[in-house]
Amino acid sequence: MRISIRRIGNSKGLIFPTSLLAQVGLKDEAEVTVEDGAIVVRAPAQPVRSGWAEASKSLAAAGDDGLVMPDFVNAEDEAIKW
């Protein structure tokens, strides 16, 4: 199959038919690499934030989920009317 390379803003892009993307399981994101002079497009190995929810729960359970930077305000902030 041949597809055109199109200008997209200051870049160039490829528009893949939906049926082609469905055949390899691509939905919202893809991993793109160059291998042996070819552009290879694959489904990501795992979601970018995979495991973050579990890690957050374990931090909270261990009591290690405090602020990294303490809350700070200016003394004059209380007088400001919004």
PDB file of N, CA and C in Angstrom:
ATOM      1  N   MET A   1       0.846  -1.160   0.000  1.00  0.00           N
ATOM      2  CA  MET A   1       0.000   0.000   0.000  1.00  0.00           C
ATOM      3  C   MET A   1       0.898   1.230   0.000  1.00  0.00           C
ATOM      4  N   ARG A   2       0.575   2.198  -0.794  1.00  0.00           N
ATOM      5  CA  ARG A   2       1.282   3.481  -0.805  1.00  0.00           C
ATOM      6  C   ARG A   2       0.385   4.540  -0.203  1.00  0.00           C
ATOM      7  N   ILE A   3       0.981   5.363   0.665  1.00  0.00           N
ATOM      8  CA  ILE A   3       0.252   6.503   1.201  1.00  0.00           C
ATOM      9  C   ILE A   3       1.119   7.740   1.018  1.00  0.00           C
ATOM     10  N   SER A   4       0.492   8.877   0.900  1.00  0.00           N
ATOM     11  CA  SER A   4       1.205  10.129   0.665  1.00  0.00           C
ATOM     12  C   SER A   4       1.781  10.687   1.959  1.00  0.00           C
ATOM     13  N   ILE A   5       2.913  11.358   1.834  1.00  0.00           N
ATOM     14  CA  ILE A   5       3.482  12.116   2.943  1.00  0.00           C
ATOM     15  C   ILE A   5       2.910  13.519   2.815  1.00  0.00           C
ATOM     16  N   ARG A   6       2.264  14.000   3.873  1.00  0.00           N
ATOM     17  CA  ARG A   6       1.559  15.281   3.819  1.00  0.00           C
ATOM     18  C   ARG A   6       2.168  16.289   4.768  1.00  0.00           C
ATOM     19  N   ARG A   7       2.055  17.529   4.392  1.00  0.00           N
ATOM     20  CA  ARG A   7       2.517  18.608   5.259  1.00  0.00           C
ATOM     21  C   ARG A   7       1.483  18.810   6.363  1.00  0.00           C
ATOM     22  N   ILE A   8       1.971  18.850   7.605  1.00  0.00           N
ATOM     23  CA  ILE A   8       1.128  19.114   8.766  1.00  0.00           C
ATOM     24  C   ILE A   8       1.841  20.199   9.557  1.00  0.00           C
ATOM     25  N   GLY A   9       1.429  21.445   9.357  1.00  0.00           N
ATOM     26  CA  GLY A   9       2.122  22.575   9.977  1.00  0.00           C
ATOM     27  C   GLY A   9       3.532  22.658   9.428  1.00  0.00           C
ATOM     28  N   ASN A  10       4.535  22.717  10.319  1.00  0.00           N
ATOM     29  CA  ASN A  10       5.930  22.755   9.895  1.00  0.00           C
ATOM     30  C   ASN A  10       6.526  21.362   9.763  1.00  0.00           C
ATOM     31  N   SER A  11       5.714  20.345   9.958  1.00  0.00           N
ATOM     32  CA  SER A  11       6.183  18.967   9.900  1.00  0.00           C
ATOM     33  C   SER A  11       5.566  18.257   8.707  1.00  0.00           C
ATOM     34  N   LYS A  12       5.861  16.997   8.607  1.00  0.00           N
ATOM     35  CA  LYS A  12       5.223  16.150   7.603  1.00  0.00           C
ATOM     36  C   LYS A  12       4.688  14.928   8.308  1.00  0.00           C
ATOM     37  N   GLY A  13       3.629  14.341   7.766  1.00  0.00           N
ATOM     38  CA  GLY A  13       3.017  13.204   8.432  1.00  0.00           C
ATOM     39  C   GLY A  13       2.427  12.218   7.457  1.00  0.00           C
ATOM     40  N   LEU A  14       2.111  11.075   7.989  1.00  0.00           N
ATOM     41  CA  LEU A  14       1.462  10.009   7.237  1.00  0.00           C
ATOM     42  C   LEU A  14       0.069   9.803   7.809  1.00  0.00           C
ATOM     43  N   ILE A  15      -0.908   9.646   6.960  1.00  0.00           N
ATOM     44  CA  ILE A  15      -2.270   9.361   7.392  1.00  0.00           C
ATOM     45  C   ILE A  15      -2.531   7.894   7.070  1.00  0.00           C
ATOM     46  N   PHE A  16      -2.704   7.086   8.117  1.00  0.00           N
ATOM     47  CA  PHE A  16      -2.939   5.655   7.938  1.00  0.00           C
ATOM     48  C   PHE A  16      -4.439   5.373   7.918  1.00  0.00           C
ATOM     49  N   PRO A  17      -4.878   4.495   7.049  1.00  0.00           N
ATOM     50  CA  PRO A  17      -6.299   4.097   7.068  1.00  0.00           C
ATOM     51  C   PRO A  17      -6.633   3.433   8.412  1.00  0.00           C
ATOM     52  N   THR A  18      -7.818   3.693   8.923  1.00  0.00           N
ATOM     53  CA  THR A  18      -8.253   3.138  10.204  1.00  0.00           C
ATOM     54  C   THR A  18      -8.178   1.620  10.213  1.00  0.00           C
ATOM     55  N   SER A  19      -8.537   1.004   9.104  1.00  0.00           N
ATOM     56  CA  SER A  19      -8.504  -0.468   9.048  1.00  0.00           C
ATOM     57  C   SER A  19      -7.087  -1.000   9.221  1.00  0.00           C
ATOM     58  N   LEU A  20      -6.102  -0.288   8.714  1.00  0.00           N
ATOM     59  CA  LEU A  20      -4.709  -0.709   8.856  1.00  0.00           C
ATOM     60  C   LEU A  20      -4.265  -0.598  10.313  1.00  0.00           C
ATOM     61  N   LEU A  21      -4.640   0.499  10.957  1.00  0.00           N
ATOM     62  CA  LEU A  21      -4.298   0.690  12.369  1.00  0.00           C
ATOM     63  C   LEU A  21      -4.964  -0.368  13.240  1.00  0.00           C
ATOM     64  N   ALA A  22      -6.197  -0.711  12.922  1.00  0.00           N
ATOM     65  CA  ALA A  22      -6.927  -1.717  13.695  1.00  0.00           C
ATOM     66  C   ALA A  22      -6.254  -3.087  13.581  1.00  0.00           C
ATOM     67  N   GLN A  23      -5.676  -3.381  12.444  1.00  0.00           N
ATOM     68  CA  GLN A  23      -5.035  -4.691  12.260  1.00  0.00           C
ATOM     69  C   GLN A  23      -3.862  -4.902  13.203  1.00  0.00           C
ATOM     70  N   VAL A  24      -3.194  -3.821  13.606  1.00  0.00           N
ATOM     71  CA  VAL A  24      -2.047  -3.953  14.507  1.00  0.00           C
ATOM     72  C   VAL A  24      -2.354  -3.463  15.920  1.00  0.00           C
ATOM     73  N   GLY A  25      -3.605  -3.072  16.161  1.00  0.00           N
ATOM     74  CA  GLY A  25      -4.023  -2.697  17.510  1.00  0.00           C
ATOM     75  C   GLY A  25      -3.644  -1.286  17.920  1.00  0.00           C
ATOM     76  N   LEU A  26      -3.408  -0.389  16.964  1.00  0.00           N
ATOM     77  CA  LEU A  26      -3.076   0.996  17.305  1.00  0.00           C
ATOM     78  C   LEU A  26      -4.352   1.796  17.491  1.00  0.00           C
ATOM     79  N   LYS A  27      -4.410   2.568  18.596  1.00  0.00           N
ATOM     80  CA  LYS A  27      -5.592   3.384  18.865  1.00  0.00           C
ATOM     81  C   LYS A  27      -5.205   4.845  19.031  1.00  0.00           C
ATOM     82  N   ASP A  28      -4.596   5.203  20.155  1.00  0.00           N
ATOM     83  CA  ASP A  28      -4.307   6.603  20.452  1.00  0.00           C
ATOM     84  C   ASP A  28      -2.827   6.956  20.409  1.00  0.00           C
ATOM     85  N   GLU A  29      -1.959   5.972  20.596  1.00  0.00           N
ATOM     86  CA  GLU A  29      -0.528   6.223  20.638  1.00  0.00           C
ATOM     87  C   GLU A  29       0.209   5.135  19.890  1.00  0.00           C
ATOM     88  N   ALA A  30       1.437   5.465  19.479  1.00  0.00           N
ATOM     89  CA  ALA A  30       2.281   4.481  18.810  1.00  0.00           C
ATOM     90  C   ALA A  30       3.729   4.716  19.209  1.00  0.00           C
ATOM     91  N   GLU A  31       4.516   3.664  19.171  1.00  0.00           N
ATOM     92  CA  GLU A  31       5.954   3.761  19.355  1.00  0.00           C
ATOM     93  C   GLU A  31       6.575   3.752  17.974  1.00  0.00           C
ATOM     94  N   VAL A  32       7.425   4.725  17.696  1.00  0.00           N
ATOM     95  CA  VAL A  32       8.046   4.832  16.385  1.00  0.00           C
ATOM     96  C   VAL A  32       9.556   4.738  16.550  1.00  0.00           C
ATOM     97  N   THR A  33      10.178   3.859  15.771  1.00  0.00           N
ATOM     98  CA  THR A  33      11.626   3.703  15.794  1.00  0.00           C
ATOM     99  C   THR A  33      12.134   3.609  14.361  1.00  0.00           C
ATOM    100  N   VAL A  34      13.431   3.739  14.219  1.00  0.00           N
ATOM    101  CA  VAL A  34      14.074   3.525  12.923  1.00  0.00           C
ATOM    102  C   VAL A  34      14.936   2.282  13.069  1.00  0.00           C
ATOM    103  N   GLU A  35      14.687   1.306  12.216  1.00  0.00           N
ATOM    104  CA  GLU A  35      15.433   0.048  12.249  1.00  0.00           C
ATOM    105  C   GLU A  35      15.874  -0.314  10.835  1.00  0.00           C
ATOM    106  N   ASP A  36      17.172  -0.434  10.651  1.00  0.00           N
ATOM    107  CA  ASP A  36      17.735  -0.808   9.356  1.00  0.00           C
ATOM    108  C   ASP A  36      17.198   0.060   8.222  1.00  0.00           C
ATOM    109  N   GLY A  37      17.142   1.360   8.440  1.00  0.00           N
ATOM    110  CA  GLY A  37      16.697   2.285   7.410  1.00  0.00           C
ATOM    111  C   GLY A  37      15.199   2.317   7.167  1.00  0.00           C
ATOM    112  N   ALA A  38      14.413   1.708   8.057  1.00  0.00           N
ATOM    113  CA  ALA A  38      12.954   1.697   7.913  1.00  0.00           C
ATOM    114  C   ALA A  38      12.320   2.328   9.149  1.00  0.00           C
ATOM    115  N   ILE A  39      11.219   3.046   8.943  1.00  0.00           N
ATOM    116  CA  ILE A  39      10.446   3.586  10.057  1.00  0.00           C
ATOM    117  C   ILE A  39       9.492   2.490  10.497  1.00  0.00           C
ATOM    118  N   VAL A  40       9.590   2.101  11.765  1.00  0.00           N
ATOM    119  CA  VAL A  40       8.764   1.025  12.308  1.00  0.00           C
ATOM    120  C   VAL A  40       7.784   1.614  13.314  1.00  0.00           C
ATOM    121  N   VAL A  41       6.502   1.336  13.117  1.00  0.00           N
ATOM    122  CA  VAL A  41       5.441   1.849  13.986  1.00  0.00           C
ATOM    123  C   VAL A  41       4.826   0.665  14.719  1.00  0.00           C
ATOM    124  N   ARG A  42       4.841   0.713  16.054  1.00  0.00           N
ATOM    125  CA  ARG A  42       4.306  -0.387  16.868  1.00  0.00           C
ATOM    126  C   ARG A  42       3.383   0.158  17.942  1.00  0.00           C
ATOM    127  N   ALA A  43       2.523  -0.724  18.426  1.00  0.00           N
ATOM    128  CA  ALA A  43       1.719  -0.384  19.595  1.00  0.00           C
ATOM    129  C   ALA A  43       2.667  -0.262  20.784  1.00  0.00           C
ATOM    130  N   PRO A  44       2.446   0.715  21.679  1.00  0.00           N
ATOM    131  CA  PRO A  44       3.313   0.849  22.849  1.00  0.00           C
ATOM    132  C   PRO A  44       3.316  -0.429  23.678  1.00  0.00           C
ATOM    133  N   ALA A  45       4.479  -0.745  24.225  1.00  0.00           N
ATOM    134  CA  ALA A  45       4.624  -1.961  25.019  1.00  0.00           C
ATOM    135  C   ALA A  45       3.690  -1.938  26.224  1.00  0.00           C
ATOM    136  N   GLN A  46       3.577  -0.798  26.859  1.00  0.00           N
ATOM    137  CA  GLN A  46       2.666  -0.638  27.988  1.00  0.00           C
ATOM    138  C   GLN A  46       2.262   0.829  28.064  1.00  0.00           C
ATOM    139  N   PRO A  47       1.130   1.112  28.650  1.00  0.00           N
ATOM    140  CA  PRO A  47       0.726   2.514  28.769  1.00  0.00           C
ATOM    141  C   PRO A  47       1.794   3.323  29.498  1.00  0.00           C
ATOM    142  N   VAL A  48       1.935   4.587  29.143  1.00  0.00           N
ATOM    143  CA  VAL A  48       2.968   5.445  29.713  1.00  0.00           C
ATOM    144  C   VAL A  48       2.879   5.507  31.228  1.00  0.00           C
ATOM    145  N   ARG A  49       1.683   5.562  31.770  1.00  0.00           N
ATOM    146  CA  ARG A  49       1.525   5.694  33.219  1.00  0.00           C
ATOM    147  C   ARG A  49       1.127   4.373  33.873  1.00  0.00           C
ATOM    148  N   SER A  50       1.498   3.295  33.240  1.00  0.00           N
ATOM    149  CA  SER A  50       1.171   1.984  33.778  1.00  0.00           C
ATOM    150  C   SER A  50       1.793   1.807  35.160  1.00  0.00           C
ATOM    151  N   GLY A  51       0.991   1.415  36.125  1.00  0.00           N
ATOM    152  CA  GLY A  51       1.486   1.156  37.472  1.00  0.00           C
ATOM    153  C   GLY A  51       1.496   2.365  38.398  1.00  0.00           C
ATOM    154  N   TRP A  52       1.183   3.565  37.879  1.00  0.00           N
ATOM    155  CA  TRP A  52       1.233   4.755  38.720  1.00  0.00           C
ATOM    156  C   TRP A  52       0.197   4.696  39.828  1.00  0.00           C
ATOM    157  N   ALA A  53      -0.991   4.200  39.557  1.00  0.00           N
ATOM    158  CA  ALA A  53      -2.043   4.159  40.578  1.00  0.00           C
ATOM    159  C   ALA A  53      -1.618   3.262  41.736  1.00  0.00           C
ATOM    160  N   GLU A  54      -1.078   2.109  41.404  1.00  0.00           N
ATOM    161  CA  GLU A  54      -0.635   1.176  42.447  1.00  0.00           C
ATOM    162  C   GLU A  54       0.522   1.772  43.255  1.00  0.00           C
ATOM    163  N   ALA A  55       1.451   2.438  42.575  1.00  0.00           N
ATOM    164  CA  ALA A  55       2.581   3.053  43.273  1.00  0.00           C
ATOM    165  C   ALA A  55       2.098   4.151  44.219  1.00  0.00           C
ATOM    166  N   SER A  56       1.119   4.939  43.792  1.00  0.00           N
ATOM    167  CA  SER A  56       0.578   6.000  44.647  1.00  0.00           C
ATOM    168  C   SER A  56      -0.088   5.418  45.881  1.00  0.00           C
ATOM    169  N   LYS A  57      -0.835   4.329  45.692  1.00  0.00           N
ATOM    170  CA  LYS A  57      -1.505   3.693  46.834  1.00  0.00           C
ATOM    171  C   LYS A  57      -0.488   3.161  47.839  1.00  0.00           C
ATOM    172  N   SER A  58       0.597   2.571  47.342  1.00  0.00           N
ATOM    173  CA  SER A  58       1.591   2.025  48.266  1.00  0.00           C
ATOM    174  C   SER A  58       2.335   3.145  48.998  1.00  0.00           C
ATOM    175  N   LEU A  59       2.575   4.279  48.321  1.00  0.00           N
ATOM    176  CA  LEU A  59       3.186   5.424  49.000  1.00  0.00           C
ATOM    177  C   LEU A  59       2.274   5.949  50.101  1.00  0.00           C
ATOM    178  N   ALA A  60       0.979   6.068  49.794  1.00  0.00           N
ATOM    179  CA  ALA A  60       0.025   6.559  50.790  1.00  0.00           C
ATOM    180  C   ALA A  60      -0.056   5.605  51.973  1.00  0.00           C
ATOM    181  N   ALA A  61      -0.064   4.311  51.701  1.00  0.00           N
ATOM    182  CA  ALA A  61      -0.140   3.312  52.772  1.00  0.00           C
ATOM    183  C   ALA A  61       1.092   3.378  53.669  1.00  0.00           C
ATOM    184  N   ALA A  62       2.245   3.718  53.088  1.00  0.00           N
ATOM    185  CA  ALA A  62       3.480   3.815  53.864  1.00  0.00           C
ATOM    186  C   ALA A  62       3.643   5.182  54.526  1.00  0.00           C
ATOM    187  N   GLY A  63       2.691   6.103  54.264  1.00  0.00           N
ATOM    188  CA  GLY A  63       2.775   7.438  54.850  1.00  0.00           C
ATOM    189  C   GLY A  63       3.840   8.303  54.192  1.00  0.00           C
ATOM    190  N   ASP A  64       4.244   7.941  52.987  1.00  0.00           N
ATOM    191  CA  ASP A  64       5.311   8.661  52.295  1.00  0.00           C
ATOM    192  C   ASP A  64       4.760   9.486  51.134  1.00  0.00           C
ATOM    193  N   ASP A  65       3.567  10.036  51.313  1.00  0.00           N
ATOM    194  CA  ASP A  65       2.940  10.790  50.228  1.00  0.00           C
ATOM    195  C   ASP A  65       2.805  12.272  50.569  1.00  0.00           C
ATOM    196  N   GLY A  66       3.717  12.781  51.388  1.00  0.00           N
ATOM    197  CA  GLY A  66       3.676  14.193  51.768  1.00  0.00           C
ATOM    198  C   GLY A  66       4.140  15.083  50.625  1.00  0.00           C
ATOM    199  N   LEU A  67       3.924  16.382  50.788  1.00  0.00           N
ATOM    200  CA  LEU A  67       4.348  17.339  49.782  1.00  0.00           C
ATOM    201  C   LEU A  67       5.861  17.373  49.666  1.00  0.00           C
ATOM    202  N   VAL A  68       6.364  17.437  48.463  1.00  0.00           N
ATOM    203  CA  VAL A  68       7.800  17.552  48.254  1.00  0.00           C
ATOM    204  C   VAL A  68       8.228  18.978  48.578  1.00  0.00           C
ATOM    205  N   MET A  69       7.419  19.939  48.139  1.00  0.00           N
ATOM    206  CA  MET A  69       7.655  21.338  48.484  1.00  0.00           C
ATOM    207  C   MET A  69       6.565  21.755  49.464  1.00  0.00           C
ATOM    208  N   PRO A  70       6.922  22.331  50.575  1.00  0.00           N
ATOM    209  CA  PRO A  70       5.887  22.735  51.537  1.00  0.00           C
ATOM    210  C   PRO A  70       5.016  23.842  50.957  1.00  0.00           C
ATOM    211  N   ASP A  71       3.792  23.915  51.468  1.00  0.00           N
ATOM    212  CA  ASP A  71       2.904  25.006  51.081  1.00  0.00           C
ATOM    213  C   ASP A  71       3.549  26.328  51.491  1.00  0.00           C
ATOM    214  N   PHE A  72       3.480  27.300  50.635  1.00  0.00           N
ATOM    215  CA  PHE A  72       3.997  28.603  51.015  1.00  0.00           C
ATOM    216  C   PHE A  72       3.083  29.677  50.436  1.00  0.00           C
ATOM    217  N   VAL A  73       2.930  30.732  51.195  1.00  0.00           N
ATOM    218  CA  VAL A  73       2.113  31.876  50.768  1.00  0.00           C
ATOM    219  C   VAL A  73       2.840  33.145  51.189  1.00  0.00           C
ATOM    220  N   ASN A  74       2.459  34.210  50.562  1.00  0.00           N
ATOM    221  CA  ASN A  74       2.974  35.516  50.968  1.00  0.00           C
ATOM    222  C   ASN A  74       2.074  36.061  52.062  1.00  0.00           C
ATOM    223  N   ALA A  75       2.652  36.779  52.999  1.00  0.00           N
ATOM    224  CA  ALA A  75       1.877  37.334  54.118  1.00  0.00           C
ATOM    225  C   ALA A  75       0.754  38.249  53.618  1.00  0.00           C
ATOM    226  N   GLU A  76       0.968  38.907  52.500  1.00  0.00           N
ATOM    227  CA  GLU A  76      -0.012  39.856  51.984  1.00  0.00           C
ATOM    228  C   GLU A  76      -1.154  39.166  51.237  1.00  0.00           C
ATOM    229  N   ASP A  77      -1.035  37.889  50.950  1.00  0.00           N
ATOM    230  CA  ASP A  77      -2.043  37.199  50.148  1.00  0.00           C
ATOM    231  C   ASP A  77      -3.427  37.202  50.795  1.00  0.00           C
ATOM    232  N   GLU A  78      -3.496  37.178  52.110  1.00  0.00           N
ATOM    233  CA  GLU A  78      -4.779  37.125  52.778  1.00  0.00           C
ATOM    234  C   GLU A  78      -5.613  38.394  52.541  1.00  0.00           C
ATOM    235  N   ALA A  79      -4.940  39.503  52.264  1.00  0.00           N
ATOM    236  CA  ALA A  79      -5.650  40.771  52.057  1.00  0.00           C
ATOM    237  C   ALA A  79      -6.187  40.902  50.636  1.00  0.00           C
ATOM    238  N   ILE A  80      -5.775  40.046  49.733  1.00  0.00           N
ATOM    239  CA  ILE A  80      -6.212  40.147  48.347  1.00  0.00           C
ATOM    240  C   ILE A  80      -7.658  39.701  48.235  1.00  0.00           C
ATOM    241  N   LYS A  81      -8.480  40.490  47.537  1.00  0.00           N
ATOM    242  CA  LYS A  81      -9.867  40.100  47.304  1.00  0.00           C
ATOM    243  C   LYS A  81      -9.975  39.611  45.876  1.00  0.00           C
ATOM    244  N   TRP A  82     -10.533  38.445  45.704  1.00  0.00           N
ATOM    245  CA  TRP A  82     -10.661  37.839  44.370  1.00  0.00           C
ATOM    246  C   TRP A  82     -12.015  38.088  43.804  1.00  0.00           C
TER     247      TRP A  82
END
